[in-house]
PDB file of N, CA and C in Angstrom:
ATOM      1  N   PHE A   1     -54.087 -41.627  16.394  1.00  0.00           N
ATOM      2  CA  PHE A   1     -53.342 -42.685  17.071  1.00  0.00           C
ATOM      3  C   PHE A   1     -52.159 -42.099  17.827  1.00  0.00           C
ATOM      4  N   PHE A   2     -51.840 -42.762  18.889  1.00  0.00           N
ATOM      5  CA  PHE A   2     -50.655 -42.384  19.654  1.00  0.00           C
ATOM      6  C   PHE A   2     -49.767 -43.598  19.799  1.00  0.00           C
ATOM      7  N   PHE A   3     -48.459 -43.387  19.699  1.00  0.00           N
ATOM      8  CA  PHE A   3     -47.507 -44.465  19.913  1.00  0.00           C
ATOM      9  C   PHE A   3     -46.773 -44.223  21.222  1.00  0.00           C
ATOM     10  N   GLN A   4     -46.590 -45.286  21.975  1.00  0.00           N
ATOM     11  CA  GLN A   4     -45.908 -45.181  23.257  1.00  0.00           C
ATOM     12  C   GLN A   4     -44.405 -45.234  23.019  1.00  0.00           C
ATOM     13  N   ALA A   5     -43.694 -44.218  23.416  1.00  0.00           N
ATOM     14  CA  ALA A   5     -42.238 -44.204  23.292  1.00  0.00           C
ATOM     15  C   ALA A   5     -41.638 -44.893  24.513  1.00  0.00           C
ATOM     16  N   GLU A   6     -40.345 -45.179  24.426  1.00  0.00           N
ATOM     17  CA  GLU A   6     -39.672 -45.871  25.535  1.00  0.00           C
ATOM     18  C   GLU A   6     -39.699 -45.056  26.826  1.00  0.00           C
ATOM     19  N   ASP A   7     -39.603 -43.772  26.696  1.00  0.00           N
ATOM     20  CA  ASP A   7     -39.542 -42.941  27.898  1.00  0.00           C
ATOM     21  C   ASP A   7     -40.922 -42.553  28.418  1.00  0.00           C
ATOM     22  N   GLY A   8     -41.986 -43.122  27.776  1.00  0.00           N
ATOM     23  CA  GLY A   8     -43.318 -42.861  28.266  1.00  0.00           C
ATOM     24  C   GLY A   8     -43.987 -41.689  27.604  1.00  0.00           C
ATOM     25  N   ILE A   9     -43.301 -40.944  26.749  1.00  0.00           N
ATOM     26  CA  ILE A   9     -43.907 -39.812  26.055  1.00  0.00           C
ATOM     27  C   ILE A   9     -44.547 -40.327  24.785  1.00  0.00           C
ATOM     28  N   ARG A  10     -45.769 -39.927  24.567  1.00  0.00           N
ATOM     29  CA  ARG A  10     -46.492 -40.394  23.369  1.00  0.00           C
ATOM     30  C   ARG A  10     -46.279 -39.428  22.217  1.00  0.00           C
ATOM     31  N   ASP A  11     -46.054 -40.031  21.025  1.00  0.00           N
ATOM     32  CA  ASP A  11     -45.933 -39.227  19.804  1.00  0.00           C
ATOM     33  C   ASP A  11     -47.254 -39.282  19.051  1.00  0.00           C
ATOM     34  N   PHE A  12     -47.645 -38.138  18.492  1.00  0.00           N
ATOM     35  CA  PHE A  12     -48.882 -38.069  17.726  1.00  0.00           C
ATOM     36  C   PHE A  12     -48.606 -38.505  16.287  1.00  0.00           C
ATOM     37  N   CYS A  13     -49.452 -39.412  15.736  1.00  0.00           N
ATOM     38  CA  CYS A  13     -49.287 -39.906  14.347  1.00  0.00           C
ATOM     39  C   CYS A  13     -50.593 -39.687  13.606  1.00  0.00           C
ATOM     40  N   LEU A  14     -50.519 -38.947  12.508  1.00  0.00           N
ATOM     41  CA  LEU A  14     -51.719 -38.694  11.716  1.00  0.00           C
ATOM     42  C   LEU A  14     -52.082 -39.921  10.891  1.00  0.00           C
ATOM     43  N   SER A  15     -53.373 -40.161  10.756  1.00  0.00           N
ATOM     44  CA  SER A  15     -53.843 -41.237   9.891  1.00  0.00           C
ATOM     45  C   SER A  15     -53.591 -40.821   8.451  1.00  0.00           C
ATOM     46  N   ARG A  16     -53.194 -41.776   7.616  1.00  0.00           N
ATOM     47  CA  ARG A  16     -52.939 -41.451   6.213  1.00  0.00           C
ATOM     48  C   ARG A  16     -54.231 -41.365   5.419  1.00  0.00           C
ATOM     49  N   GLY A  17     -55.313 -41.905   5.909  1.00  0.00           N
ATOM     50  CA  GLY A  17     -56.604 -41.808   5.242  1.00  0.00           C
ATOM     51  C   GLY A  17     -56.676 -42.646   3.978  1.00  0.00           C
ATOM     52  N   LEU A  18     -57.767 -42.527   3.236  1.00  0.00           N
ATOM     53  CA  LEU A  18     -57.984 -43.322   2.029  1.00  0.00           C
ATOM     54  C   LEU A  18     -57.224 -42.793   0.823  1.00  0.00           C
ATOM     55  N   GLY A  19     -56.802 -41.550   0.880  1.00  0.00           N
ATOM     56  CA  GLY A  19     -56.098 -40.965  -0.267  1.00  0.00           C
ATOM     57  C   GLY A  19     -54.863 -41.754  -0.656  1.00  0.00           C
ATOM     58  N   ASP A  20     -54.117 -42.226   0.343  1.00  0.00           N
ATOM     59  CA  ASP A  20     -52.910 -43.000   0.045  1.00  0.00           C
ATOM     60  C   ASP A  20     -53.244 -44.325  -0.631  1.00  0.00           C
ATOM     61  N   VAL A  21     -54.341 -44.943  -0.250  1.00  0.00           N
ATOM     62  CA  VAL A  21     -54.745 -46.206  -0.870  1.00  0.00           C
ATOM     63  C   VAL A  21     -55.010 -45.987  -2.348  1.00  0.00           C
ATOM     64  N   TYR A  22     -55.742 -44.926  -2.663  1.00  0.00           N
ATOM     65  CA  TYR A  22     -56.035 -44.648  -4.062  1.00  0.00           C
ATOM     66  C   TYR A  22     -54.773 -44.303  -4.833  1.00  0.00           C
ATOM     67  N   LYS A  23     -53.858 -43.584  -4.192  1.00  0.00           N
ATOM     68  CA  LYS A  23     -52.593 -43.258  -4.860  1.00  0.00           C
ATOM     69  C   LYS A  23     -51.812 -44.526  -5.173  1.00  0.00           C
ATOM     70  N   ARG A  24     -51.785 -45.471  -4.223  1.00  0.00           N
ATOM     71  CA  ARG A  24     -51.068 -46.734  -4.456  1.00  0.00           C
ATOM     72  C   ARG A  24     -51.708 -47.508  -5.599  1.00  0.00           C
ATOM     73  N   GLN A  25     -53.050 -47.503  -5.667  1.00  0.00           N
ATOM     74  CA  GLN A  25     -53.722 -48.216  -6.750  1.00  0.00           C
ATOM     75  C   GLN A  25     -53.380 -47.610  -8.106  1.00  0.00           C
ATOM     76  N   ALA A  26     -53.189 -46.323  -8.154  1.00  0.00           N
ATOM     77  CA  ALA A  26     -52.814 -45.668  -9.411  1.00  0.00           C
ATOM     78  C   ALA A  26     -51.389 -46.033  -9.795  1.00  0.00           C
ATOM     79  N   LEU A  27     -50.532 -46.311  -8.827  1.00  0.00           N
ATOM     80  CA  LEU A  27     -49.129 -46.659  -9.107  1.00  0.00           C
ATOM     81  C   LEU A  27     -48.956 -48.110  -9.531  1.00  0.00           C
ATOM     82  N   ILE A  28     -49.861 -48.972  -9.149  1.00  0.00           N
ATOM     83  CA  ILE A  28     -49.708 -50.404  -9.410  1.00  0.00           C
ATOM     84  C   ILE A  28     -49.488 -50.718 -10.893  1.00  0.00           C
ATOM     85  N   PRO A  29     -50.332 -50.203 -11.822  1.00  0.00           N
ATOM     86  CA  PRO A  29     -50.073 -50.501 -13.238  1.00  0.00           C
ATOM     87  C   PRO A  29     -48.744 -49.929 -13.730  1.00  0.00           C
ATOM     88  N   LEU A  30     -48.351 -48.798 -13.181  1.00  0.00           N
ATOM     89  CA  LEU A  30     -47.089 -48.197 -13.603  1.00  0.00           C
ATOM     90  C   LEU A  30     -45.897 -49.050 -13.192  1.00  0.00           C
ATOM     91  N   LEU A  31     -46.026 -49.743 -12.077  1.00  0.00           N
ATOM     92  CA  LEU A  31     -44.946 -50.594 -11.594  1.00  0.00           C
ATOM     93  C   LEU A  31     -44.954 -51.967 -12.251  1.00  0.00           C
ATOM     94  N   GLY A  32     -45.986 -52.247 -13.026  1.00  0.00           N
ATOM     95  CA  GLY A  32     -46.059 -53.533 -13.718  1.00  0.00           C
ATOM     96  C   GLY A  32     -46.539 -54.656 -12.809  1.00  0.00           C
ATOM     97  N   ILE A  33     -47.215 -54.325 -11.741  1.00  0.00           N
ATOM     98  CA  ILE A  33     -47.716 -55.337 -10.815  1.00  0.00           C
ATOM     99  C   ILE A  33     -49.107 -55.733 -11.258  1.00  0.00           C
ATOM    100  N   ASN A  34     -49.379 -57.007 -11.271  1.00  0.00           N
ATOM    101  CA  ASN A  34     -50.696 -57.490 -11.632  1.00  0.00           C
ATOM    102  C   ASN A  34     -51.603 -57.287 -10.425  1.00  0.00           C
ATOM    103  N   ALA A  35     -52.458 -56.282 -10.496  1.00  0.00           N
ATOM    104  CA  ALA A  35     -53.302 -55.902  -9.360  1.00  0.00           C
ATOM    105  C   ALA A  35     -54.270 -57.013  -8.988  1.00  0.00           C
ATOM    106  N   GLU A  36     -54.785 -57.728  -9.980  1.00  0.00           N
ATOM    107  CA  GLU A  36     -55.725 -58.805  -9.680  1.00  0.00           C
ATOM    108  C   GLU A  36     -55.030 -59.883  -8.859  1.00  0.00           C
ATOM    109  N   TYR A  37     -53.801 -60.214  -9.265  1.00  0.00           N
ATOM    110  CA  TYR A  37     -53.031 -61.227  -8.548  1.00  0.00           C
ATOM    111  C   TYR A  37     -52.768 -60.791  -7.114  1.00  0.00           C
ATOM    112  N   MET A  38     -52.499 -59.521  -6.944  1.00  0.00           N
ATOM    113  CA  MET A  38     -52.198 -59.003  -5.603  1.00  0.00           C
ATOM    114  C   MET A  38     -53.472 -58.880  -4.766  1.00  0.00           C
ATOM    115  N   GLY A  39     -54.635 -59.025  -5.383  1.00  0.00           N
ATOM    116  CA  GLY A  39     -55.884 -58.948  -4.640  1.00  0.00           C
ATOM    117  C   GLY A  39     -56.259 -57.529  -4.254  1.00  0.00           C
ATOM    118  N   ILE A  40     -55.741 -56.558  -4.976  1.00  0.00           N
ATOM    119  CA  ILE A  40     -55.968 -55.165  -4.605  1.00  0.00           C
ATOM    120  C   ILE A  40     -57.230 -54.628  -5.243  1.00  0.00           C
ATOM    121  N   THR A  41     -57.494 -54.998  -6.493  1.00  0.00           N
ATOM    122  CA  THR A  41     -58.675 -54.469  -7.173  1.00  0.00           C
ATOM    123  C   THR A  41     -59.585 -55.623  -7.563  1.00  0.00           C
ATOM    124  N   GLY A  42     -60.768 -55.293  -7.953  1.00  0.00           N
ATOM    125  CA  GLY A  42     -61.721 -56.310  -8.388  1.00  0.00           C
ATOM    126  C   GLY A  42     -61.685 -56.514  -9.888  1.00  0.00           C
ATOM    127  N   GLN A  43     -60.643 -56.071 -10.558  1.00  0.00           N
ATOM    128  CA  GLN A  43     -60.547 -56.197 -12.006  1.00  0.00           C
ATOM    129  C   GLN A  43     -60.450 -57.675 -12.377  1.00  0.00           C
ATOM    130  N   THR A  44     -61.139 -58.030 -13.443  1.00  0.00           N
ATOM    131  CA  THR A  44     -61.062 -59.416 -13.914  1.00  0.00           C
ATOM    132  C   THR A  44     -60.263 -59.512 -15.197  1.00  0.00           C
ATOM    133  N   GLU A  45     -59.960 -58.409 -15.822  1.00  0.00           N
ATOM    134  CA  GLU A  45     -59.222 -58.417 -17.083  1.00  0.00           C
ATOM    135  C   GLU A  45     -57.730 -58.298 -16.800  1.00  0.00           C
ATOM    136  N   GLU A  46     -56.948 -59.056 -17.571  1.00  0.00           N
ATOM    137  CA  GLU A  46     -55.504 -59.011 -17.393  1.00  0.00           C
ATOM    138  C   GLU A  46     -54.922 -57.750 -18.019  1.00  0.00           C
ATOM    139  N   ALA A  47     -53.779 -57.397 -17.528  1.00  0.00           N
ATOM    140  CA  ALA A  47     -53.067 -56.261 -18.094  1.00  0.00           C
ATOM    141  C   ALA A  47     -52.669 -56.588 -19.532  1.00  0.00           C
ATOM    142  N   PRO A  48     -52.609 -55.595 -20.413  1.00  0.00           N
ATOM    143  CA  PRO A  48     -52.262 -55.851 -21.822  1.00  0.00           C
ATOM    144  C   PRO A  48     -50.911 -56.547 -21.982  1.00  0.00           C
ATOM    145  N   GLU A  49     -49.935 -56.170 -21.147  1.00  0.00           N
ATOM    146  CA  GLU A  49     -48.626 -56.816 -21.301  1.00  0.00           C
ATOM    147  C   GLU A  49     -48.666 -58.279 -20.875  1.00  0.00           C
ATOM    148  N   VAL A  50     -49.546 -58.611 -19.923  1.00  0.00           N
ATOM    149  CA  VAL A  50     -49.700 -60.006 -19.512  1.00  0.00           C
ATOM    150  C   VAL A  50     -50.364 -60.793 -20.635  1.00  0.00           C
ATOM    151  N   LYS A  51     -51.395 -60.191 -21.248  1.00  0.00           N
ATOM    152  CA  LYS A  51     -52.056 -60.838 -22.382  1.00  0.00           C
ATOM    153  C   LYS A  51     -51.074 -61.081 -23.516  1.00  0.00           C
ATOM    154  N   ALA A  52     -50.273 -60.068 -23.810  1.00  0.00           N
ATOM    155  CA  ALA A  52     -49.294 -60.182 -24.902  1.00  0.00           C
ATOM    156  C   ALA A  52     -48.284 -61.283 -24.597  1.00  0.00           C
ATOM    157  N   LYS A  53     -47.831 -61.342 -23.358  1.00  0.00           N
ATOM    158  CA  LYS A  53     -46.859 -62.372 -22.972  1.00  0.00           C
ATOM    159  C   LYS A  53     -47.469 -63.765 -23.115  1.00  0.00           C
ATOM    160  N   LYS A  54     -48.712 -63.927 -22.646  1.00  0.00           N
ATOM    161  CA  LYS A  54     -49.380 -65.219 -22.774  1.00  0.00           C
ATOM    162  C   LYS A  54     -49.574 -65.596 -24.238  1.00  0.00           C
ATOM    163  N   GLU A  55     -49.918 -64.627 -25.062  1.00  0.00           N
ATOM    164  CA  GLU A  55     -50.109 -64.887 -26.491  1.00  0.00           C
ATOM    165  C   GLU A  55     -48.789 -65.315 -27.140  1.00  0.00           C
ATOM    166  N   ARG A  56     -47.697 -64.634 -26.767  1.00  0.00           N
ATOM    167  CA  ARG A  56     -46.372 -65.025 -27.292  1.00  0.00           C
ATOM    168  C   ARG A  56     -46.024 -66.444 -26.873  1.00  0.00           C
ATOM    169  N   GLN A  57     -46.281 -66.763 -25.601  1.00  0.00           N
ATOM    170  CA  GLN A  57     -45.989 -68.111 -25.108  1.00  0.00           C
ATOM    171  C   GLN A  57     -46.825 -69.149 -25.847  1.00  0.00           C
ATOM    172  N   LYS A  58     -48.093 -68.820 -26.096  1.00  0.00           N
ATOM    173  CA  LYS A  58     -48.964 -69.734 -26.830  1.00  0.00           C
ATOM    174  C   LYS A  58     -48.441 -69.961 -28.246  1.00  0.00           C
ATOM    175  N   GLN A  59     -48.037 -68.863 -28.905  1.00  0.00           N
ATOM    176  CA  GLN A  59     -47.501 -68.983 -30.260  1.00  0.00           C
ATOM    177  C   GLN A  59     -46.197 -69.778 -30.281  1.00  0.00           C
ATOM    178  N   GLU A  60     -45.343 -69.547 -29.286  1.00  0.00           N
ATOM    179  CA  GLU A  60     -44.090 -70.309 -29.209  1.00  0.00           C
ATOM    180  C   GLU A  60     -44.359 -71.793 -29.004  1.00  0.00           C
ATOM    181  N   MET A  61     -45.349 -72.108 -28.175  1.00  0.00           N
ATOM    182  CA  MET A  61     -45.711 -73.501 -27.928  1.00  0.00           C
ATOM    183  C   MET A  61     -46.243 -74.151 -29.202  1.00  0.00           C
ATOM    184  N   GLN A  62     -47.104 -73.420 -29.918  1.00  0.00           N
ATOM    185  CA  GLN A  62     -47.634 -73.940 -31.175  1.00  0.00           C
ATOM    186  C   GLN A  62     -46.513 -74.163 -32.188  1.00  0.00           C
ATOM    187  N   GLN A  63     -45.588 -73.215 -32.246  1.00  0.00           N
ATOM    188  CA  GLN A  63     -44.459 -73.339 -33.173  1.00  0.00           C
ATOM    189  C   GLN A  63     -43.606 -74.557 -32.818  1.00  0.00           C
ATOM    190  N   ALA A  64     -43.373 -74.763 -31.531  1.00  0.00           N
ATOM    191  CA  ALA A  64     -42.579 -75.916 -31.084  1.00  0.00           C
ATOM    192  C   ALA A  64     -43.286 -77.223 -31.448  1.00  0.00           C
ATOM    193  N   LEU A  65     -44.599 -77.263 -31.269  1.00  0.00           N
ATOM    194  CA  LEU A  65     -45.351 -78.463 -31.617  1.00  0.00           C
ATOM    195  C   LEU A  65     -45.300 -78.727 -33.117  1.00  0.00           C
ATOM    196  N   LEU A  66     -45.428 -77.667 -33.912  1.00  0.00           N
ATOM    197  CA  LEU A  66     -45.335 -77.828 -35.366  1.00  0.00           C
ATOM    198  C   LEU A  66     -43.964 -78.344 -35.778  1.00  0.00           C
ATOM    199  N   GLN A  67     -42.933 -77.842 -35.130  1.00  0.00           N
ATOM    200  CA  GLN A  67     -41.579 -78.318 -35.432  1.00  0.00           C
ATOM    201  C   GLN A  67     -41.424 -79.790 -35.076  1.00  0.00           C
ATOM    202  N   GLN A  68     -42.006 -80.201 -33.946  1.00  0.00           N
ATOM    203  CA  GLN A  68     -41.936 -81.611 -33.557  1.00  0.00           C
ATOM    204  C   GLN A  68     -42.663 -82.484 -34.575  1.00  0.00           C
ATOM    205  N   ILE A  69     -43.811 -82.016 -35.035  1.00  0.00           N
ATOM    206  CA  ILE A  69     -44.575 -82.774 -36.024  1.00  0.00           C
ATOM    207  C   ILE A  69     -43.771 -82.896 -37.318  1.00  0.00           C
ATOM    208  N   GLU A  70     -43.174 -81.787 -37.756  1.00  0.00           N
ATOM    209  CA  GLU A  70     -42.370 -81.806 -38.982  1.00  0.00           C
ATOM    210  C   GLU A  70     -41.169 -82.749 -38.828  1.00  0.00           C
ATOM    211  N   GLU A  71     -40.542 -82.735 -37.666  1.00  0.00           N
ATOM    212  CA  GLU A  71     -39.390 -83.609 -37.415  1.00  0.00           C
ATOM    213  C   GLU A  71     -39.815 -85.080 -37.470  1.00  0.00           C
ATOM    214  N   LYS A  72     -40.971 -85.390 -36.899  1.00  0.00           N
ATOM    215  CA  LYS A  72     -41.466 -86.776 -36.948  1.00  0.00           C
ATOM    216  C   LYS A  72     -41.765 -87.192 -38.380  1.00  0.00           C
ATOM    217  N   LYS A  73     -42.322 -86.263 -39.175  1.00  0.00           N
ATOM    218  CA  LYS A  73     -42.582 -86.566 -40.587  1.00  0.00           C
ATOM    219  C   LYS A  73     -41.281 -86.867 -41.316  1.00  0.00           C
ATOM    220  N   ARG A  74     -40.265 -86.027 -41.058  1.00  0.00           N
ATOM    221  CA  ARG A  74     -38.959 -86.254 -41.710  1.00  0.00           C
ATOM    222  C   ARG A  74     -38.373 -87.594 -41.312  1.00  0.00           C
ATOM    223  N   GLN A  75     -38.484 -87.937 -40.030  1.00  0.00           N
ATOM    224  CA  GLN A  75     -37.964 -89.221 -39.563  1.00  0.00           C
ATOM    225  C   GLN A  75     -38.686 -90.380 -40.237  1.00  0.00           C
ATOM    226  N   LYS A  76     -40.010 -90.280 -40.359  1.00  0.00           N
ATOM    227  CA  LYS A  76     -40.772 -91.334 -41.026  1.00  0.00           C
ATOM    228  C   LYS A  76     -40.359 -91.462 -42.481  1.00  0.00           C
ATOM    229  N   GLN A  77     -40.167 -90.313 -43.140  1.00  0.00           N
ATOM    230  CA  GLN A  77     -39.752 -90.344 -44.543  1.00  0.00           C
ATOM    231  C   GLN A  77     -38.381 -91.004 -44.684  1.00  0.00           C
ATOM    232  N   LEU A  78     -37.462 -90.664 -43.780  1.00  0.00           N
ATOM    233  CA  LEU A  78     -36.135 -91.282 -43.832  1.00  0.00           C
ATOM    234  C   LEU A  78     -36.207 -92.786 -43.584  1.00  0.00           C
ATOM    235  N   GLU A  79     -37.019 -93.185 -42.610  1.00  0.00           N
ATOM    236  CA  GLU A  79     -37.179 -94.613 -42.327  1.00  0.00           C
ATOM    237  C   GLU A  79     -37.763 -95.341 -43.530  1.00  0.00           C
ATOM    238  N   GLU A  80     -38.750 -94.732 -44.172  1.00  0.00           N
ATOM    239  CA  GLU A  80     -39.365 -95.332 -45.356  1.00  0.00           C
ATOM    240  C   GLU A  80     -38.343 -95.436 -46.492  1.00  0.00           C
ATOM    241  N   LYS A  81     -37.547 -94.414 -46.651  1.00  0.00           N
ATOM    242  CA  LYS A  81     -36.516 -94.429 -47.702  1.00  0.00           C
ATOM    243  C   LYS A  81     -35.494 -95.537 -47.430  1.00  0.00           C
ATOM    244  N   ARG A  82     -35.074 -95.657 -46.161  1.00  0.00           N
ATOM    245  CA  ARG A  82     -34.127 -96.732 -45.792  1.00  0.00           C
ATOM    246  C   ARG A  82     -34.743 -98.103 -46.039  1.00  0.00           C
ATOM    247  N   ARG A  83     -36.004 -98.256 -45.665  1.00  0.00           N
ATOM    248  CA  ARG A  83     -36.677 -99.541 -45.848  1.00  0.00           C
ATOM    249  C   ARG A  83     -36.746 -99.901 -47.338  1.00  0.00           C
ATOM    250  N   ARG A  84     -37.107 -98.935 -48.183  1.00  0.00           N
ATOM    251  CA  ARG A  84     -37.163 -99.196 -49.630  1.00  0.00           C
ATOM    252  C   ARG A  84     -35.775 -99.542 -50.176  1.00  0.00           C
ATOM    253  N   GLN A  85     -34.756 -98.849 -49.678  1.00  0.00           N
ATOM    254  CA  GLN A  85     -33.392 -99.127 -50.119  1.00  0.00           C
ATOM    255  C   GLN A  85     -32.976-100.546 -49.720  1.00  0.00           C
ATOM    256  N   GLU A  86     -33.304-100.932 -48.496  1.00  0.00           N
ATOM    257  CA  GLU A  86     -32.974-102.288 -48.040  1.00  0.00           C
ATOM    258  C   GLU A  86     -33.713-103.337 -48.865  1.00  0.00           C
ATOM    259  N   GLU A  87     -34.990-103.074 -49.169  1.00  0.00           N
ATOM    260  CA  GLU A  87     -35.757-103.999 -50.011  1.00  0.00           C
ATOM    261  C   GLU A  87     -35.120-104.123 -51.394  1.00  0.00           C
ATOM    262  N   HIS A  88     -34.735-102.991 -51.934  1.00  0.00           N
ATOM    263  CA  HIS A  88     -34.106-102.999 -53.261  1.00  0.00           C
ATOM    264  C   HIS A  88     -32.794-103.798 -53.229  1.00  0.00           C
ATOM    265  N   GLU A  89     -32.006-103.561 -52.206  1.00  0.00           N
ATOM    266  CA  GLU A  89     -30.735-104.294 -52.082  1.00  0.00           C
ATOM    267  C   GLU A  89     -30.974-105.794 -51.932  1.00  0.00           C
ATOM    268  N   GLU A  90     -31.990-106.167 -51.157  1.00  0.00           N
ATOM    269  CA  GLU A  90     -32.319-107.592 -50.983  1.00  0.00           C
ATOM    270  C   GLU A  90     -32.772-108.202 -52.304  1.00  0.00           C
ATOM    271  N   GLU A  91     -33.619-107.484 -53.043  1.00  0.00           N
ATOM    272  CA  GLU A  91     -34.060-107.975 -54.357  1.00  0.00           C
ATOM    273  C   GLU A  91     -32.871-108.148 -55.297  1.00  0.00           C
ATOM    274  N   GLU A  92     -31.965-107.198 -55.259  1.00  0.00           N
ATOM    275  CA  GLU A  92     -30.772-107.270 -56.112  1.00  0.00           C
ATOM    276  C   GLU A  92     -29.898-108.465 -55.733  1.00  0.00           C
ATOM    277  N   ARG A  93     -29.754-108.705 -54.454  1.00  0.00           N
ATOM    278  CA  ARG A  93     -28.948-109.854 -53.988  1.00  0.00           C
ATOM    279  C   ARG A  93     -29.581-111.166 -54.435  1.00  0.00           C
ATOM    280  N   VAL A  94     -30.908-111.254 -54.283  1.00  0.00           N
ATOM    281  CA  VAL A  94     -31.617-112.472 -54.690  1.00  0.00           C
ATOM    282  C   VAL A  94     -31.488-112.671 -56.205  1.00  0.00           C
ATOM    283  N   ARG A  95     -31.624-111.607 -56.968  1.00  0.00           N
ATOM    284  CA  ARG A  95     -31.490-111.698 -58.425  1.00  0.00           C
ATOM    285  C   ARG A  95     -30.103-112.204 -58.820  1.00  0.00           C
ATOM    286  N   LYS A  96     -29.064-111.675 -58.183  1.00  0.00           N
ATOM    287  CA  LYS A  96     -27.699-112.115 -58.486  1.00  0.00           C
ATOM    288  C   LYS A  96     -27.487-113.583 -58.113  1.00  0.00           C
ATOM    289  N   GLU A  97     -28.072-114.014 -56.987  1.00  0.00           N
ATOM    290  CA  GLU A  97     -27.960-115.425 -56.596  1.00  0.00           C
ATOM    291  C   GLU A  97     -28.630-116.329 -57.622  1.00  0.00           C
ATOM    292  N   ARG A  98     -29.803-115.910 -58.103  1.00  0.00           N
ATOM    293  CA  ARG A  98     -30.502-116.700 -59.128  1.00  0.00           C
ATOM    294  C   ARG A  98     -29.672-116.790 -60.408  1.00  0.00           C
ATOM    295  N   GLU A  99     -29.122-115.642 -60.805  1.00  0.00           N
ATOM    296  CA  GLU A  99     -28.283-115.647 -62.010  1.00  0.00           C
ATOM    297  C   GLU A  99     -27.085-116.572 -61.833  1.00  0.00           C
ATOM    298  N   GLU A 100     -26.494-116.548 -60.679  1.00  0.00           N
ATOM    299  CA  GLU A 100     -25.338-117.416 -60.403  1.00  0.00           C
ATOM    300  C   GLU A 100     -25.756-118.888 -60.439  1.00  0.00           C
ATOM    301  N   LEU A 101     -26.906-119.194 -59.865  1.00  0.00           N
ATOM    302  CA  LEU A 101     -27.405-120.576 -59.901  1.00  0.00           C
ATOM    303  C   LEU A 101     -27.672-121.020 -61.343  1.00  0.00           C
ATOM    304  N   GLU A 102     -28.250-120.127 -62.128  1.00  0.00           N
ATOM    305  CA  GLU A 102     -28.521-120.441 -63.533  1.00  0.00           C
ATOM    306  C   GLU A 102     -27.220-120.705 -64.288  1.00  0.00           C
ATOM    307  N   ARG A 103     -26.210-119.901 -64.057  1.00  0.00           N
ATOM    308  CA  ARG A 103     -24.908-120.120 -64.708  1.00  0.00           C
ATOM    309  C   ARG A 103     -24.317-121.465 -64.316  1.00  0.00           C
ATOM    310  N   LYS A 104     -24.412-121.795 -63.013  1.00  0.00           N
ATOM    311  CA  LYS A 104     -23.881-123.079 -62.554  1.00  0.00           C
ATOM    312  C   LYS A 104     -24.631-124.247 -63.196  1.00  0.00           C
ATOM    313  N   LYS A 105     -25.954-124.123 -63.307  1.00  0.00           N
ATOM    314  CA  LYS A 105     -26.749-125.179 -63.937  1.00  0.00           C
ATOM    315  C   LYS A 105     -26.337-125.352 -65.394  1.00  0.00           C
ATOM    316  N   LYS A 106     -26.169-124.225 -66.079  1.00  0.00           N
ATOM    317  CA  LYS A 106     -25.766-124.282 -67.486  1.00  0.00           C
ATOM    318  C   LYS A 106     -24.394-124.920 -67.627  1.00  0.00           C
ATOM    319  N   LYS A 107     -23.486-124.605 -66.721  1.00  0.00           N
ATOM    320  CA  LYS A 107     -22.154-125.187 -66.756  1.00  0.00           C
ATOM    321  C   LYS A 107     -22.222-126.698 -66.571  1.00  0.00           C
ATOM    322  N   LYS A 108     -23.042-127.123 -65.587  1.00  0.00           N
ATOM    323  CA  LYS A 108     -23.181-128.558 -65.337  1.00  0.00           C
ATOM    324  C   LYS A 108     -23.776-129.251 -66.548  1.00  0.00           C
ATOM    325  N   LYS A 109     -24.786-128.642 -67.148  1.00  0.00           N
ATOM    326  CA  LYS A 109     -25.413-129.207 -68.317  1.00  0.00           C
ATOM    327  C   LYS A 109     -24.418-129.324 -69.468  1.00  0.00           C
ATOM    328  N   LYS A 110     -23.632-128.306 -69.609  1.00  0.00           N
ATOM    329  CA  LYS A 110     -22.633-128.286 -70.688  1.00  0.00           C
ATOM    330  C   LYS A 110     -21.593-129.393 -70.462  1.00  0.00           C
ATOM    331  N   LYS A 111     -21.167-129.563 -69.211  1.00  0.00           N
ATOM    332  CA  LYS A 111     -20.188-130.597 -68.877  1.00  0.00           C
ATOM    333  C   LYS A 111     -20.761-131.969 -69.171  1.00  0.00           C
ATOM    334  N   LYS A 112     -22.009-132.169 -68.775  1.00  0.00           N
ATOM    335  CA  LYS A 112     -22.644-133.467 -69.013  1.00  0.00           C
ATOM    336  C   LYS A 112     -22.745-133.764 -70.500  1.00  0.00           C
ATOM    337  N   SER A 113     -23.107-132.761 -71.262  1.00  0.00           N
ATOM    338  CA  SER A 113     -23.258-132.971 -72.704  1.00  0.00           C
ATOM    339  C   SER A 113     -21.887-133.218 -73.372  1.00  0.00           C
ATOM    340  N   THR A 114     -20.834-132.661 -72.889  1.00  0.00           N
ATOM    341  CA  THR A 114     -19.508-132.891 -73.482  1.00  0.00           C
ATOM    342  C   THR A 114     -18.955-134.239 -73.062  1.00  0.00           C
ATOM    343  N   LEU A 115     -19.348-134.747 -71.916  1.00  0.00           N
ATOM    344  CA  LEU A 115     -18.886-136.055 -71.451  1.00  0.00           C
ATOM    345  C   LEU A 115     -19.539-137.195 -72.225  1.00  0.00           C
ATOM    346  N   ARG A 116     -20.646-137.029 -72.779  1.00  0.00           N
ATOM    347  CA  ARG A 116     -21.342-138.091 -73.495  1.00  0.00           C
ATOM    348  C   ARG A 116     -20.782-138.277 -74.827  1.00  0.00           C
TER     349      ARG A 116
END
């Protein structure tokens, strides 16, 4: 190839040939570039570090989901505990009201019997 310079003189440029292409392909894994993504090679397998990263992300996602499930279980347990406590308190209130009514009835009965 020749390149045209501004002054009209041509400079000779050697072709780099295929050797440089192969050298670049050898450098790609060293640079951490995903060759498949770049469309440089026909490899279908991911780089080991990409696989490891995806596996870590998958494990982190699973861990997060498990934590969410555990949190929902705890919330349900707390809600159930509160509900049982409220039921118990309501039963206790009703029991005390009944006892109070019974005392009042007994008092009225006693008053009536003393008036006769």
